[in-house]
Amino acid sequence: MNTSYILMIVTIVSKIFGLLREKALAYFFGTGIIVEAFLVAFQIPMTFTNILSGATANGYIPMYNEIKERSGEKEANSFTSNLSNIVFFGSLLISIVGIVFAKQLVIAMAIGFKGETLAMAVFMTRVALLSLAATTVFSIFKAYLQIKRHFIVSIAHAILMNVIIIVSMAFAKKMGYQYLAFGILSGFIFQYLIFLPYIKKSGYRHRSLINLKDRDFKMMMKIIIPVLISTSVIELNFIISKSLASDLFVGAMASLNYAYKLQAFVTGIVITSIVTAVYPDMARLGAVCDYDGLKKSVGGALVSMALLVVPASVGLFIFSSPIVKLLFVGGAFGKQEGVVTATVLNFYAIGIIGIGVREIVSRAFYAIMDTKTPVVNSVVMVGVNIVLSMVMMKVYGIRGLALATSISFIVGAILMVLSLKSRLGRMFSTINISDLMKITIATVCMGILASVVYSFSSRFIGSIVSLLIAIVVAGGVYLLAILVLKVSEVQNIINKIKNKRAK
């Protein structure tokens, strides 16, 4: 899991820039109509990209490995050229259709938009959709770089995207919202320039071929369609919440977005890093039918994820108010908006562990070429979210939307684990179970002591300083606890460090 931790460091830097983008948006525009129009314009091409790239990558990696094993790397690279060319023209067609029907797309994404807000969102969406062909094609090469173990560059590109968008926000504040649209377009396209030297270095040479009748492409399409449905569930759940929130009150969608970004900060750092590092190996184990190795890989990945996600989720839940105050309150983003965002964050934090479990376990199904189970699971999750959102929104308002989403993720995770257990057998070894119990005990100790420290210190000093002190205490207590309890993952890292020093 060493690669996972290196990726987490890179992802932390990338996610910090993502939070800076959200902070800039909050500072310049608060939670007003420009923000809500921007969020929809940003979300529509991002949704297409995330769904298509997620499905393509999850189907492409095992297919590439299989072709390479069967026919060699040259044939696997030809498959990559064929796939990327077809995806380019398919995405170009989708972007044209999206531009023509941009108004309908915006209304579907935000049922409460009218008048000036709707007009702004439609314009920004049309400009942003021009990036779709580039982003979807490079998602294939992002997966290719991960196969070639160029993990860092496959994540770091988002830093460049966020810098470009932040600069565009500064221009938009002074010169008009149109600059936000062109900022999205430029950021989405130019972020991938850093891929080019690494693709060349890996020995890939692009070919101008399009063969819709290619056997491997047809097989890929059989895999990708159900994977597309499965990987879209997180995006769909958030889209449902935002669309319903747009009809609650002005600023509801923006508050939901800021809270979601903080949740995504945790999932992106830990869960994405672990999945990025372990999935190529899972796909390789699945290709050679090494199911014992696959189960061991899944169990280890889940423990590594829990080691960081469980305490992070508890931290977000306990300290949601001071975290939001530290990161967002200021400029056009007032204290009342901060209170609403912090409340939403409380409920989003509950579902993070469900996201982590489902993301890892679903990759095991893709590795064994079972795409049906994740699809069924996705349909159930979306159904649960829609029903609960409609009911809870009427009772709890915006809090109900966040809670409904979190419950749907937890339900999906439980069902996914049970499905994999029935397919492959027991995933968790005795050591894994012991580690999970130790992580839970350490997190409880951390949460209690950090809460006491924050409550006491905030009486005498500011909430932000108290938060920073509480975070340091929380980190120290948790680290001490997992060392005393001897969590095996931590012990393995310590042993590796000792071995390197001994050499």
Protein backbone atom coordinates (compact mmCIF):
# COMPACT_ATOMS: atom_id res chain seq x y z
CA MET A 1 0.00 0.00 0.00
CA ASN A 2 3.04 2.35 -0.16
CA THR A 3 1.85 3.68 -3.53
CA SER A 4 -1.51 4.53 -1.97
CA TYR A 5 0.08 6.74 0.65
CA ILE A 6 2.28 8.54 -1.89
CA LEU A 7 -0.82 9.18 -3.98
CA MET A 8 -2.63 10.49 -0.91
CA ILE A 9 0.06 13.16 -0.48
CA VAL A 10 -0.28 14.23 -4.11
CA THR A 11 -4.07 14.08 -3.86
CA ILE A 12 -4.02 16.23 -0.71
CA VAL A 13 -2.20 18.95 -2.66
CA SER A 14 -4.66 18.57 -5.54
CA LYS A 15 -7.67 18.67 -3.22
CA ILE A 16 -6.32 21.72 -1.41
CA PHE A 17 -6.35 23.53 -4.74
CA GLY A 18 -9.91 22.27 -5.20
CA LEU A 19 -10.88 23.76 -1.84
CA LEU A 20 -9.12 26.99 -2.80
CA ARG A 21 -11.33 27.07 -5.88
CA GLU A 22 -14.42 26.68 -3.70
CA LYS A 23 -13.08 29.29 -1.26
CA ALA A 24 -12.51 31.71 -4.16
CA LEU A 25 -16.04 31.07 -5.41
CA ALA A 26 -17.49 31.69 -1.94
CA TYR A 27 -15.35 34.79 -1.39
CA PHE A 28 -16.12 36.45 -4.71
CA PHE A 29 -19.77 35.43 -5.14
CA GLY A 30 -21.09 33.95 -1.83
CA THR A 31 -24.19 31.80 -2.41
CA GLY A 32 -25.94 34.05 -4.95
CA ILE A 33 -27.36 33.33 -8.39
CA ILE A 34 -23.98 33.54 -10.16
CA VAL A 35 -22.67 30.75 -7.93
CA GLU A 36 -25.69 28.55 -8.56
CA ALA A 37 -25.45 29.13 -12.33
CA PHE A 38 -21.72 28.36 -12.22
CA LEU A 39 -22.27 25.15 -10.24
CA VAL A 40 -24.71 23.79 -12.80
CA ALA A 41 -22.50 24.82 -15.74
CA PHE A 42 -19.52 23.17 -14.03
CA GLN A 43 -21.49 20.08 -13.04
CA ILE A 44 -23.03 19.22 -16.43
CA PRO A 45 -19.79 18.61 -18.40
CA MET A 46 -18.13 17.26 -15.24
CA THR A 47 -20.97 14.75 -14.84
CA PHE A 48 -20.62 13.56 -18.43
CA THR A 49 -16.85 13.38 -18.02
CA ASN A 50 -16.92 11.58 -14.67
CA ILE A 51 -19.49 9.04 -15.82
CA LEU A 52 -17.84 8.36 -19.18
CA SER A 53 -14.31 8.42 -17.79
CA GLY A 54 -15.21 6.25 -14.82
CA ALA A 55 -16.90 3.69 -17.01
CA THR A 56 -14.16 3.81 -19.65
CA ALA A 57 -11.32 3.48 -17.15
CA ASN A 58 -12.94 0.66 -15.19
CA GLY A 59 -13.64 -1.24 -18.40
CA TYR A 60 -10.45 -0.24 -20.20
CA ILE A 61 -7.88 -1.34 -17.60
CA PRO A 62 -8.92 -5.02 -17.43
CA MET A 63 -9.42 -5.09 -21.23
CA TYR A 64 -5.95 -3.64 -21.85
CA ASN A 65 -4.40 -6.21 -19.51
CA GLU A 66 -6.26 -9.06 -21.19
CA ILE A 67 -5.24 -7.96 -24.72
CA LYS A 68 -1.63 -7.49 -23.62
CA GLU A 69 -1.56 -10.99 -22.11
CA ARG A 70 -3.16 -12.47 -25.22
CA SER A 71 -1.61 -10.55 -28.11
CA GLY A 72 1.14 -8.30 -26.76
CA GLU A 73 1.57 -4.61 -25.94
CA LYS A 74 1.47 -3.43 -29.56
CA GLU A 75 -2.02 -4.84 -30.02
CA ALA A 76 -3.12 -3.38 -26.68
CA ASN A 77 -1.90 0.05 -27.80
CA SER A 78 -3.77 -0.31 -31.11
CA PHE A 79 -6.90 -1.05 -29.09
CA THR A 80 -6.24 2.14 -27.11
CA SER A 81 -5.98 4.19 -30.33
CA ASN A 82 -9.17 2.72 -31.74
CA LEU A 83 -11.08 3.25 -28.51
CA SER A 84 -9.88 6.83 -28.00
CA ASN A 85 -10.74 7.80 -31.60
CA ILE A 86 -14.25 6.39 -31.33
CA VAL A 87 -14.77 8.02 -27.92
CA PHE A 88 -13.59 11.37 -29.30
CA PHE A 89 -16.18 11.46 -32.09
CA GLY A 90 -18.89 10.03 -29.84
CA SER A 91 -18.20 12.68 -27.19
CA LEU A 92 -18.11 15.41 -29.83
CA LEU A 93 -21.59 14.36 -30.94
CA ILE A 94 -22.83 14.35 -27.33
CA SER A 95 -21.40 17.83 -26.76
CA ILE A 96 -23.19 19.18 -29.86
CA VAL A 97 -26.48 17.68 -28.70
CA GLY A 98 -25.85 19.05 -25.20
CA ILE A 99 -25.20 22.56 -26.55
CA VAL A 100 -28.42 22.49 -28.60
CA PHE A 101 -30.47 21.25 -25.62
CA ALA A 102 -28.55 23.14 -22.93
CA LYS A 103 -31.68 24.81 -21.55
CA GLN A 104 -33.41 21.48 -21.03
CA LEU A 105 -30.28 20.06 -19.39
CA VAL A 106 -30.06 22.99 -16.97
CA ILE A 107 -33.73 22.71 -16.04
CA ALA A 108 -33.28 18.98 -15.40
CA MET A 109 -30.26 19.72 -13.17
CA ALA A 110 -31.92 22.63 -11.34
CA ILE A 111 -35.70 22.51 -11.43
CA GLY A 112 -35.95 25.80 -9.54
CA PHE A 113 -33.95 27.94 -12.02
CA LYS A 114 -35.84 30.75 -13.74
CA GLY A 115 -35.17 34.08 -15.44
CA GLU A 116 -31.66 35.51 -15.12
CA THR A 117 -30.27 32.51 -13.25
CA LEU A 118 -31.48 30.15 -15.97
CA ALA A 119 -30.08 32.35 -18.77
CA MET A 120 -26.66 32.54 -17.07
CA ALA A 121 -26.53 28.80 -16.47
CA VAL A 122 -27.49 28.00 -20.08
CA PHE A 123 -24.75 30.27 -21.50
CA MET A 124 -22.04 28.89 -19.20
CA THR A 125 -23.15 25.31 -19.85
CA ARG A 126 -22.90 25.74 -23.63
CA VAL A 127 -19.36 27.09 -23.38
CA ALA A 128 -18.27 24.43 -20.89
CA LEU A 129 -19.63 21.56 -23.01
CA LEU A 130 -17.09 22.43 -25.72
CA SER A 131 -14.53 20.66 -23.51
CA LEU A 132 -16.30 17.30 -23.44
CA ALA A 133 -14.47 15.56 -26.31
CA ALA A 134 -11.05 16.41 -24.84
CA THR A 135 -11.88 15.42 -21.28
CA THR A 136 -13.38 12.04 -22.20
CA VAL A 137 -10.50 11.08 -24.51
CA PHE A 138 -7.89 11.98 -21.93
CA SER A 139 -9.75 9.91 -19.35
CA ILE A 140 -8.64 6.87 -21.37
CA PHE A 141 -5.04 8.05 -21.31
CA LYS A 142 -5.35 8.73 -17.58
CA ALA A 143 -6.17 5.03 -17.16
CA TYR A 144 -3.32 4.16 -19.54
CA LEU A 145 -0.86 6.12 -17.40
CA GLN A 146 -2.12 4.30 -14.31
CA ILE A 147 -1.45 0.95 -16.01
CA LYS A 148 2.07 2.21 -16.73
CA ARG A 149 2.29 3.22 -13.03
CA HIS A 150 2.54 6.96 -13.72
CA PHE A 151 0.09 7.48 -10.86
CA ILE A 152 1.18 10.93 -9.72
CA VAL A 153 0.72 12.73 -13.04
CA SER A 154 -2.65 10.99 -13.49
CA ILE A 155 -3.87 12.87 -10.39
CA ALA A 156 -1.85 16.11 -10.40
CA HIS A 157 -3.51 17.49 -13.55
CA ALA A 158 -6.42 18.78 -11.46
CA ILE A 159 -4.08 21.30 -9.81
CA LEU A 160 -3.62 23.08 -13.14
CA MET A 161 -7.36 23.01 -13.81
CA ASN A 162 -8.17 24.63 -10.47
CA VAL A 163 -5.53 27.35 -10.90
CA ILE A 164 -7.01 28.32 -14.27
CA ILE A 165 -10.56 28.41 -12.88
CA ILE A 166 -9.52 30.45 -9.82
CA VAL A 167 -7.90 33.05 -12.08
CA SER A 168 -11.07 33.18 -14.18
CA MET A 169 -13.12 33.88 -11.03
CA ALA A 170 -11.01 36.95 -10.29
CA PHE A 171 -11.61 38.23 -13.82
CA ALA A 172 -15.33 37.39 -13.64
CA LYS A 173 -15.77 39.40 -10.44
CA LYS A 174 -14.61 42.55 -12.23
CA MET A 175 -15.57 41.90 -15.86
CA GLY A 176 -18.66 39.68 -15.87
CA TYR A 177 -19.84 36.11 -15.30
CA GLN A 178 -18.93 35.13 -18.88
CA TYR A 179 -15.31 34.74 -17.78
CA LEU A 180 -16.39 31.91 -15.47
CA ALA A 181 -17.60 29.96 -18.49
CA PHE A 182 -14.36 30.42 -20.39
CA GLY A 183 -12.45 29.55 -17.22
CA ILE A 184 -14.24 26.20 -17.02
CA LEU A 185 -13.54 25.52 -20.70
CA SER A 186 -9.84 26.42 -20.46
CA GLY A 187 -9.32 24.54 -17.20
CA PHE A 188 -10.98 21.37 -18.46
CA ILE A 189 -8.89 21.27 -21.65
CA PHE A 190 -5.44 22.59 -20.72
CA GLN A 191 -5.11 20.52 -17.52
CA TYR A 192 -4.20 17.50 -19.64
CA LEU A 193 -1.16 19.02 -21.32
CA ILE A 194 1.04 17.47 -18.61
CA PHE A 195 -0.06 13.99 -19.78
CA LEU A 196 1.59 14.28 -23.18
CA PRO A 197 5.29 13.75 -22.27
CA TYR A 198 4.45 10.79 -20.02
CA ILE A 199 2.31 9.13 -22.69
CA LYS A 200 5.21 9.46 -25.13
CA LYS A 201 7.68 8.24 -22.51
CA SER A 202 5.57 5.10 -22.00
CA GLY A 203 6.13 4.14 -25.63
CA TYR A 204 2.62 4.84 -26.89
CA ARG A 205 2.24 5.99 -30.49
CA HIS A 206 -1.22 7.06 -31.57
CA ARG A 207 -2.78 5.58 -34.69
CA SER A 208 -5.55 7.06 -36.83
CA LEU A 209 -7.85 4.07 -36.97
CA ILE A 210 -11.54 3.56 -36.30
CA ASN A 211 -12.92 0.03 -36.32
CA LEU A 212 -16.37 -0.35 -34.81
CA LYS A 213 -16.34 -4.06 -35.70
CA ASP A 214 -13.17 -4.79 -33.71
CA ARG A 215 -13.76 -7.79 -31.43
CA ASP A 216 -12.10 -6.16 -28.43
CA PHE A 217 -14.03 -2.93 -28.91
CA LYS A 218 -17.32 -4.86 -28.99
CA MET A 219 -16.32 -6.66 -25.81
CA MET A 220 -15.42 -3.31 -24.25
CA MET A 221 -18.87 -1.96 -25.09
CA LYS A 222 -20.51 -4.95 -23.41
CA ILE A 223 -18.49 -4.16 -20.29
CA ILE A 224 -18.70 -0.38 -20.39
CA ILE A 225 -22.46 0.12 -20.57
CA PRO A 226 -23.26 -1.55 -17.23
CA VAL A 227 -20.11 -0.04 -15.69
CA LEU A 228 -21.29 3.38 -16.89
CA ILE A 229 -24.54 2.91 -14.96
CA SER A 230 -22.72 1.69 -11.87
CA THR A 231 -20.05 4.41 -11.72
CA SER A 232 -22.60 7.18 -12.27
CA VAL A 233 -24.41 6.57 -8.98
CA ILE A 234 -22.41 9.06 -6.88
CA GLU A 235 -22.89 11.75 -9.53
CA LEU A 236 -26.59 10.93 -9.88
CA ASN A 237 -27.20 11.04 -6.14
CA PHE A 238 -25.62 14.47 -5.89
CA ILE A 239 -27.45 15.72 -8.99
CA ILE A 240 -30.76 14.61 -7.46
CA SER A 241 -29.97 16.45 -4.23
CA LYS A 242 -28.89 19.64 -6.03
CA SER A 243 -31.90 19.63 -8.32
CA LEU A 244 -34.31 19.30 -5.39
CA ALA A 245 -32.34 21.88 -3.37
CA SER A 246 -32.70 24.46 -6.16
CA ASP A 247 -36.41 24.61 -5.31
CA LEU A 248 -35.93 25.14 -1.55
CA PHE A 249 -34.41 28.62 -1.20
CA VAL A 250 -31.77 30.80 -2.86
CA GLY A 251 -28.38 29.52 -1.76
CA ALA A 252 -29.54 25.99 -0.89
CA MET A 253 -27.79 24.49 -3.90
CA ALA A 254 -24.59 26.41 -3.14
CA SER A 255 -24.57 25.29 0.52
CA LEU A 256 -25.12 21.71 -0.58
CA ASN A 257 -22.24 22.05 -3.02
CA TYR A 258 -19.76 23.46 -0.48
CA ALA A 259 -20.59 20.68 2.00
CA TYR A 260 -20.29 18.07 -0.73
CA LYS A 261 -16.86 19.40 -1.70
CA LEU A 262 -15.63 18.93 1.86
CA GLN A 263 -16.94 15.37 1.81
CA ALA A 264 -15.27 14.87 -1.57
CA PHE A 265 -12.02 16.20 -0.09
CA VAL A 266 -11.88 13.14 2.17
CA THR A 267 -13.10 10.65 -0.41
CA GLY A 268 -10.74 12.03 -3.03
CA ILE A 269 -7.67 11.92 -0.83
CA VAL A 270 -8.12 8.47 0.67
CA ILE A 271 -10.59 6.46 -1.38
CA THR A 272 -9.54 7.60 -4.86
CA SER A 273 -5.85 7.14 -3.99
CA ILE A 274 -6.37 3.59 -2.75
CA VAL A 275 -8.60 2.61 -5.67
CA THR A 276 -6.14 4.13 -8.17
CA ALA A 277 -3.28 2.14 -6.66
CA VAL A 278 -4.97 -1.25 -6.15
CA TYR A 279 -7.33 -1.54 -9.12
CA PRO A 280 -4.69 -2.37 -11.76
CA ASP A 281 -3.50 -5.22 -9.49
CA MET A 282 -7.10 -6.32 -8.87
CA ALA A 283 -7.68 -6.42 -12.62
CA ARG A 284 -4.51 -8.48 -13.09
CA LEU A 285 -5.55 -10.94 -10.36
CA GLY A 286 -9.01 -11.22 -11.90
CA ALA A 287 -7.54 -11.83 -15.37
CA VAL A 288 -5.57 -14.86 -14.10
CA CYS A 289 -8.48 -16.05 -11.87
CA ASP A 290 -6.45 -15.67 -8.66
CA TYR A 291 -9.51 -15.19 -6.48
CA ASP A 292 -7.71 -15.78 -3.19
CA GLY A 293 -5.27 -13.03 -4.08
CA LEU A 294 -8.17 -10.80 -5.13
CA LYS A 295 -9.97 -11.29 -1.80
CA LYS A 296 -6.77 -10.52 0.07
CA SER A 297 -6.32 -7.36 -2.00
CA VAL A 298 -9.89 -6.22 -1.32
CA GLY A 299 -9.62 -6.90 2.41
CA GLY A 300 -6.33 -5.03 2.67
CA ALA A 301 -7.66 -2.08 0.68
CA LEU A 302 -10.76 -1.82 2.90
CA VAL A 303 -8.63 -1.78 6.07
CA SER A 304 -6.31 0.87 4.59
CA MET A 305 -9.34 2.93 3.64
CA ALA A 306 -10.93 2.56 7.10
CA LEU A 307 -7.67 3.52 8.81
CA LEU A 308 -8.01 7.05 7.44
CA VAL A 309 -11.66 7.46 6.42
CA VAL A 310 -13.23 6.51 9.75
CA PRO A 311 -11.39 9.13 11.84
CA ALA A 312 -11.73 11.72 9.06
CA SER A 313 -15.51 11.18 8.89
CA VAL A 314 -15.84 11.54 12.66
CA GLY A 315 -13.71 14.68 12.53
CA LEU A 316 -15.91 16.24 9.83
CA PHE A 317 -19.03 15.38 11.83
CA ILE A 318 -17.77 16.80 15.13
CA PHE A 319 -16.08 19.92 13.79
CA SER A 320 -18.31 20.78 10.82
CA SER A 321 -19.08 24.32 12.06
CA PRO A 322 -15.52 25.53 12.71
CA ILE A 323 -14.27 23.80 9.52
CA VAL A 324 -16.82 25.64 7.39
CA LYS A 325 -16.07 28.90 9.21
CA LEU A 326 -12.34 28.47 8.60
CA LEU A 327 -12.62 27.55 4.92
CA PHE A 328 -15.57 29.51 3.57
CA VAL A 329 -16.93 32.27 5.80
CA GLY A 330 -15.70 35.66 4.56
CA GLY A 331 -16.32 38.06 1.71
CA ALA A 332 -19.75 37.40 0.15
CA PHE A 333 -20.15 34.17 2.19
CA GLY A 334 -21.86 35.14 5.48
CA LYS A 335 -22.23 33.43 8.87
CA GLN A 336 -25.78 32.25 8.16
CA GLU A 337 -24.65 30.51 4.96
CA GLY A 338 -21.91 28.92 7.07
CA VAL A 339 -24.45 27.55 9.57
CA VAL A 340 -26.52 25.96 6.78
CA THR A 341 -23.43 24.47 5.08
CA ALA A 342 -22.10 23.05 8.36
CA THR A 343 -25.44 21.38 9.07
CA VAL A 344 -25.43 19.73 5.65
CA LEU A 345 -21.82 18.61 6.16
CA ASN A 346 -22.82 16.79 9.37
CA PHE A 347 -25.12 14.53 7.42
CA TYR A 348 -22.80 14.07 4.44
CA ALA A 349 -20.03 12.91 6.80
CA ILE A 350 -22.14 9.92 7.83
CA GLY A 351 -22.07 8.43 4.33
CA ILE A 352 -18.33 8.66 3.60
CA ILE A 353 -17.53 5.16 4.85
CA GLY A 354 -20.31 3.79 2.62
CA ILE A 355 -18.76 5.49 -0.42
CA GLY A 356 -15.34 4.02 0.41
CA VAL A 357 -16.56 0.46 0.86
CA ARG A 358 -18.66 0.51 -2.30
CA GLU A 359 -15.94 2.05 -4.49
CA ILE A 360 -13.39 -0.61 -3.49
CA VAL A 361 -15.70 -3.62 -3.56
CA SER A 362 -17.20 -2.64 -6.92
CA ARG A 363 -13.69 -2.77 -8.44
CA ALA A 364 -13.47 -6.43 -7.41
CA PHE A 365 -16.57 -7.15 -9.51
CA TYR A 366 -15.11 -5.30 -12.50
CA ALA A 367 -11.88 -7.29 -12.08
CA ILE A 368 -13.78 -10.57 -12.51
CA MET A 369 -15.81 -9.10 -15.41
CA ASP A 370 -19.04 -9.05 -13.39
CA THR A 371 -20.71 -5.76 -14.27
CA LYS A 372 -24.29 -6.84 -13.57
CA THR A 373 -24.01 -6.80 -9.77
CA PRO A 374 -22.74 -3.19 -9.50
CA VAL A 375 -25.50 -2.08 -11.91
CA VAL A 376 -28.24 -3.64 -9.81
CA ASN A 377 -26.65 -2.12 -6.72
CA SER A 378 -26.59 1.32 -8.38
CA VAL A 379 -30.26 1.14 -9.32
CA VAL A 380 -31.17 0.22 -5.75
CA MET A 381 -29.04 3.08 -4.36
CA VAL A 382 -30.55 5.71 -6.65
CA GLY A 383 -34.05 4.41 -5.87
CA VAL A 384 -33.41 4.60 -2.13
CA ASN A 385 -32.00 8.13 -2.49
CA ILE A 386 -34.94 9.42 -4.56
CA VAL A 387 -37.58 8.01 -2.20
CA LEU A 388 -35.82 9.15 0.97
CA SER A 389 -34.98 12.58 -0.49
CA MET A 390 -38.61 13.27 -1.43
CA VAL A 391 -39.80 12.22 2.04
CA MET A 392 -37.03 13.73 4.19
CA MET A 393 -36.90 17.03 2.29
CA LYS A 394 -40.49 17.75 3.34
CA VAL A 395 -39.68 17.06 7.00
CA TYR A 396 -36.06 18.19 7.43
CA GLY A 397 -35.48 20.46 4.43
CA ILE A 398 -31.91 20.61 3.12
CA ARG A 399 -30.68 18.38 5.97
CA GLY A 400 -33.02 15.65 4.76
CA LEU A 401 -31.45 15.70 1.30
CA ALA A 402 -27.95 15.15 2.70
CA LEU A 403 -29.09 12.44 5.11
CA ALA A 404 -30.99 10.60 2.36
CA THR A 405 -27.86 10.56 0.18
CA SER A 406 -25.70 9.21 3.02
CA ILE A 407 -28.20 6.47 3.87
CA SER A 408 -28.32 5.39 0.22
CA PHE A 409 -24.51 5.04 0.14
CA ILE A 410 -24.49 2.93 3.31
CA VAL A 411 -27.27 0.68 1.99
CA GLY A 412 -25.39 0.25 -1.29
CA ALA A 413 -22.14 -0.61 0.52
CA ILE A 414 -23.76 -3.27 2.70
CA LEU A 415 -25.48 -4.90 -0.26
CA MET A 416 -22.25 -4.82 -2.31
CA VAL A 417 -20.22 -6.54 0.42
CA LEU A 418 -22.87 -9.23 0.84
CA SER A 419 -22.91 -9.82 -2.93
CA LEU A 420 -19.12 -10.21 -3.14
CA LYS A 421 -19.11 -12.53 -0.13
CA SER A 422 -21.68 -14.80 -1.80
CA ARG A 423 -19.59 -14.77 -4.99
CA LEU A 424 -16.04 -15.21 -3.68
CA GLY A 425 -16.44 -16.13 -0.05
CA ARG A 426 -15.11 -14.41 3.05
CA MET A 427 -13.08 -11.27 2.28
CA PHE A 428 -11.85 -10.33 5.73
CA SER A 429 -9.17 -12.32 7.46
CA THR A 430 -9.02 -12.51 11.26
CA ILE A 431 -6.31 -9.85 11.17
CA ASN A 432 -8.50 -7.57 9.05
CA ILE A 433 -11.41 -7.87 11.49
CA SER A 434 -9.10 -7.23 14.43
CA ASP A 435 -7.70 -4.14 12.70
CA LEU A 436 -11.18 -2.75 12.02
CA MET A 437 -12.11 -3.13 15.70
CA LYS A 438 -8.88 -1.42 16.76
CA ILE A 439 -9.51 1.44 14.31
CA THR A 440 -13.00 1.91 15.79
CA ILE A 441 -11.64 2.02 19.36
CA ALA A 442 -8.91 4.48 18.38
CA THR A 443 -11.45 6.72 16.62
CA VAL A 444 -13.76 6.81 19.64
CA CYS A 445 -10.85 7.84 21.88
CA MET A 446 -9.83 10.48 19.35
CA GLY A 447 -13.33 11.90 19.00
CA ILE A 448 -13.98 12.17 22.74
CA LEU A 449 -10.67 13.82 23.62
CA ALA A 450 -10.68 16.18 20.62
CA SER A 451 -14.23 17.31 21.47
CA VAL A 452 -13.28 18.00 25.08
CA VAL A 453 -10.20 19.98 24.00
CA TYR A 454 -12.20 22.07 21.51
CA SER A 455 -15.06 22.77 23.95
CA PHE A 456 -12.62 23.87 26.66
CA SER A 457 -10.24 25.94 24.52
CA SER A 458 -13.01 27.71 22.57
CA ARG A 459 -14.12 29.38 25.83
CA PHE A 460 -10.88 31.30 26.02
CA ILE A 461 -9.61 31.61 22.45
CA GLY A 462 -11.12 31.86 18.98
CA SER A 463 -12.90 28.94 17.33
CA ILE A 464 -10.37 28.71 14.49
CA VAL A 465 -7.36 28.45 16.81
CA SER A 466 -9.31 25.99 18.98
CA LEU A 467 -10.04 23.92 15.88
CA LEU A 468 -6.37 23.77 14.92
CA ILE A 469 -5.42 22.72 18.46
CA ALA A 470 -8.17 20.08 18.48
CA ILE A 471 -6.99 18.70 15.12
CA VAL A 472 -3.42 18.37 16.42
CA VAL A 473 -4.70 16.63 19.56
CA ALA A 474 -6.96 14.37 17.50
CA GLY A 475 -4.10 13.36 15.21
CA GLY A 476 -1.78 12.70 18.13
CA VAL A 477 -4.33 10.68 20.09
CA TYR A 478 -5.32 8.62 17.07
CA LEU A 479 -1.72 7.91 16.07
CA LEU A 480 -0.83 6.90 19.63
CA ALA A 481 -3.91 4.67 19.87
CA ILE A 482 -3.25 2.76 16.64
CA LEU A 483 0.39 2.30 17.68
CA VAL A 484 -0.54 1.01 21.14
CA LEU A 485 -3.25 -1.25 19.70
CA LYS A 486 -0.77 -2.46 17.04
CA VAL A 487 -2.88 -2.11 13.91
CA SER A 488 -1.18 -4.42 11.41
CA GLU A 489 -1.21 -1.93 8.52
CA VAL A 490 0.73 0.56 10.67
CA GLN A 491 3.07 -2.15 11.92
CA ASN A 492 3.84 -3.16 8.32
CA ILE A 493 4.77 0.44 7.46
CA ILE A 494 7.02 0.69 10.52
CA ASN A 495 8.73 -2.61 9.66
CA LYS A 496 9.36 -1.47 6.08
CA ILE A 497 10.93 1.75 7.33
CA LYS A 498 13.14 -0.20 9.75
CA ASN A 499 14.19 -2.58 6.98
CA LYS A 500 15.16 0.28 4.69
CA ARG A 501 17.21 1.91 7.43
CA ALA A 502 18.91 -1.41 8.18
CA LYS A 503 20.01 -1.69 4.55
